C-alpha cells in the first residue's frame, strides 16, 4: 500500500545518502547521537555494535584463528586487508568501506589507532 511504498522510498533515499561519498550524513548522525562515545563506555566489545566477519581469505593458526596476512569481509560490507595475530588485527591495514572510501591505519590489539 501507500505506507509501504513511502517507507521503501525513505529507506532507499537513506541508503543512497549513506553511500554518497560527498555526504556527511554519518558525521551528522555521530554528532547527534554520539554512538562511538556510547560504545567506548561499554565494558566489552560484544555490547557494542560490531560487524561480524562473513568471509576470511588467509591462513589460520593451529587453533583455527586468523593468522598472518589476510582479507576479512564484514557483514556491513567493508573489507579489511590486514595482518592477523591470534585472530586479532595487528599492524598496518587498509579498510575499504561500503561506499568505496579507503582508510589506511595501524591496528593494535584489534583496535584502529589514532584518527582514521
Protein backbone atom coordinates (compact mmCIF):
# COMPACT_ATOMS: atom_id res chain seq x y z
CA UNK A 1 0.00 0.00 0.00
CA UNK A 2 0.83 3.67 0.17
CA UNK A 3 2.57 3.49 3.59
CA UNK A 4 4.81 0.63 2.41
CA UNK A 5 5.75 2.49 -0.78
CA UNK A 6 6.54 5.62 1.25
CA UNK A 7 8.68 3.67 3.73
CA UNK A 8 10.54 1.99 0.86
CA UNK A 9 11.24 5.36 -0.75
CA UNK A 10 12.52 6.84 2.54
CA UNK A 11 14.78 3.83 3.11
CA UNK A 12 16.12 3.99 -0.45
CA UNK A 13 16.90 7.71 -0.01
CA UNK A 14 18.75 6.99 3.27
CA UNK A 15 20.82 4.23 1.69
CA UNK A 16 21.72 6.45 -1.26
CA UNK A 17 22.67 9.27 1.10
CA UNK A 18 24.90 7.00 3.22
CA UNK A 19 26.64 5.58 0.14
CA UNK A 20 27.29 9.05 -1.33
CA UNK A 21 30.99 9.84 -0.81
CA UNK A 22 30.23 13.57 -0.64
CA UNK A 23 27.57 13.16 2.06
CA UNK A 24 28.33 13.95 5.68
CA UNK A 25 25.29 12.05 6.99
CA UNK A 26 27.38 9.63 9.08
CA UNK A 27 29.25 12.52 10.71
CA UNK A 28 25.92 14.23 11.41
CA UNK A 29 24.50 11.09 13.00
CA UNK A 30 27.64 10.67 15.10
CA UNK A 31 27.40 14.29 16.28
CA UNK A 32 23.73 13.94 17.16
CA UNK A 33 23.77 10.52 18.81
CA UNK A 34 27.48 10.08 19.77
CA UNK A 35 27.36 6.36 19.09
CA UNK A 36 31.12 5.98 19.38
CA UNK A 37 31.03 7.55 22.84
CA UNK A 38 28.34 5.12 23.92
CA UNK A 39 30.43 2.23 22.59
CA UNK A 40 33.59 3.40 24.33
CA UNK A 41 31.75 3.33 27.67
CA UNK A 42 30.86 -0.32 27.18
CA UNK A 43 32.96 -2.83 29.06
CA UNK A 44 33.09 -5.48 26.31
CA UNK A 45 33.10 -5.37 22.54
CA UNK A 46 30.09 -7.69 22.47
CA UNK A 47 27.89 -4.93 23.95
CA UNK A 48 28.85 -2.54 21.14
CA UNK A 49 27.62 -2.82 17.59
CA UNK A 50 30.41 -4.55 15.74
CA UNK A 51 30.12 -6.09 12.29
CA UNK A 52 30.96 -9.76 12.05
CA UNK A 53 33.33 -11.35 9.56
CA UNK A 54 31.36 -13.11 6.85
CA UNK A 55 34.35 -14.33 4.81
CA UNK A 56 38.06 -14.64 5.54
CA UNK A 57 40.76 -15.30 2.98
CA UNK A 58 44.10 -16.18 4.54
CA UNK A 59 45.89 -18.59 6.81
CA UNK A 60 44.82 -19.75 10.24
CA UNK A 61 46.90 -20.93 13.17
CA UNK A 62 46.69 -24.38 14.81
CA UNK A 63 43.76 -23.18 16.93
CA UNK A 64 41.83 -22.02 13.84
CA UNK A 65 42.39 -18.30 14.49
CA UNK A 66 43.21 -15.89 11.68
CA UNK A 67 46.97 -15.60 11.30
CA UNK A 68 49.30 -13.63 9.02
CA UNK A 69 48.20 -11.51 6.08
CA UNK A 70 44.53 -11.88 5.24
CA UNK A 71 41.39 -10.33 3.84
CA UNK A 72 38.30 -10.10 6.03
CA UNK A 73 34.88 -9.24 4.60
CA UNK A 74 32.41 -7.90 7.14
CA UNK A 75 28.63 -8.00 7.47
CA UNK A 76 28.45 -4.22 6.98
CA UNK A 77 30.06 -4.51 3.52
CA UNK A 78 33.54 -3.31 4.49
CA UNK A 79 36.72 -5.18 3.60
CA UNK A 80 39.90 -5.17 5.67
CA UNK A 81 43.30 -6.22 4.38
CA UNK A 82 45.47 -6.71 7.44
CA UNK A 83 47.89 -8.83 9.37
CA UNK A 84 46.22 -11.04 11.95
CA UNK A 85 47.83 -12.39 15.10
CA UNK A 86 45.96 -14.87 17.33
CA UNK A 87 42.74 -14.00 15.45
CA UNK A 88 43.06 -10.24 16.02
CA UNK A 89 44.03 -7.47 13.59
CA UNK A 90 47.55 -6.33 14.37
CA UNK A 91 49.75 -3.89 12.44
CA UNK A 92 49.21 -1.97 9.19
CA UNK A 93 45.88 -2.36 7.44
CA UNK A 94 43.71 -0.99 4.66
CA UNK A 95 39.97 -0.70 5.21
CA UNK A 96 37.56 -0.25 2.32
CA UNK A 97 34.11 0.91 3.33
CA UNK A 98 30.91 0.01 1.50
CA UNK A 99 30.85 3.39 -0.29
CA UNK A 100 34.37 2.76 -1.69
CA UNK A 101 36.27 5.06 0.69
CA UNK A 102 39.61 3.65 1.82
CA UNK A 103 41.35 4.24 5.11
CA UNK A 104 44.86 3.15 5.97
CA UNK A 105 45.93 2.75 9.55
CA UNK A 106 47.54 0.59 12.16
CA UNK A 107 45.73 -1.89 14.41
CA UNK A 108 46.97 -2.56 17.92
CA UNK A 109 45.22 -5.47 19.66
CA UNK A 110 42.32 -5.36 17.13
CA UNK A 111 41.69 -1.61 17.58
CA UNK A 112 42.48 1.05 14.99
CA UNK A 113 44.99 3.50 16.43
CA UNK A 114 44.59 7.28 16.11
CA UNK A 115 42.17 9.10 13.87
CA UNK A 116 41.03 7.49 10.65
